[in-house]
Amino acid sequence: MVSRAFEETVLPHLDAAFNYARWLARNETEAEDVVQDACVRAMRFFSSLRDDDARPWLLAIVRNTWYSRVSRRGTTMEAAVDTTGDERPDDALDPEERLLQQHTVERVRAAMEQLSPDYREVLVLREMEGLSYKEIAAVVQVPLGTVMSRLARARERLLVLLRLSAPLEAPR
């Protein structure tokens, strides 16, 4: 039986855990399995949570679960890409704006997929999940300076990739 404390502390962060797992696994089905295994581990080790902020703690468990699955199989982190991400359109946009938004999302997703796993994960944790540098350092188990350096390099590389994928402008 799941304790009420676990439900109130950890379960609100399941969406973040799934999003992070999806970027790590690059496959929605695999991400679901990773999150399920991570939740089992989180329940088992719930007493080791030191403060009330379970989000970085859970994301660290997701990351460790993913890496242990990869090492058990002897595969690399460069798994097959799942392109079935969240494709829900923003209903507030007109059809042309929606198409432009979808194109932009596809470009960013494709550029993110080209980043190395180390760069991709720190970008996801900072820009999509809103973790602080200190929390990211705890999740990925590297020094704070390494997080800052990876983020800077990841952002630079992402900008280059986005520029390369930009459509050519028509001459005026």
Foldseek 3Di string as FASTA:
>chain_A
DQDPLCCVQPVVQLVVQLLLLCLQQLANVRSVVLLVVLSVVCRVVVVVDDDRHCNLVSLLSSVVSSVVVCVVVVHDSLHDHDPPPPLDFDPVDDPVVRVVVSVVVVQLVVLLSPDDSLLSSLCCCCVVVNDDLVSVCVSVVHDSVVSVVSPVVSVVSSVVSSVVPDDDDDDD
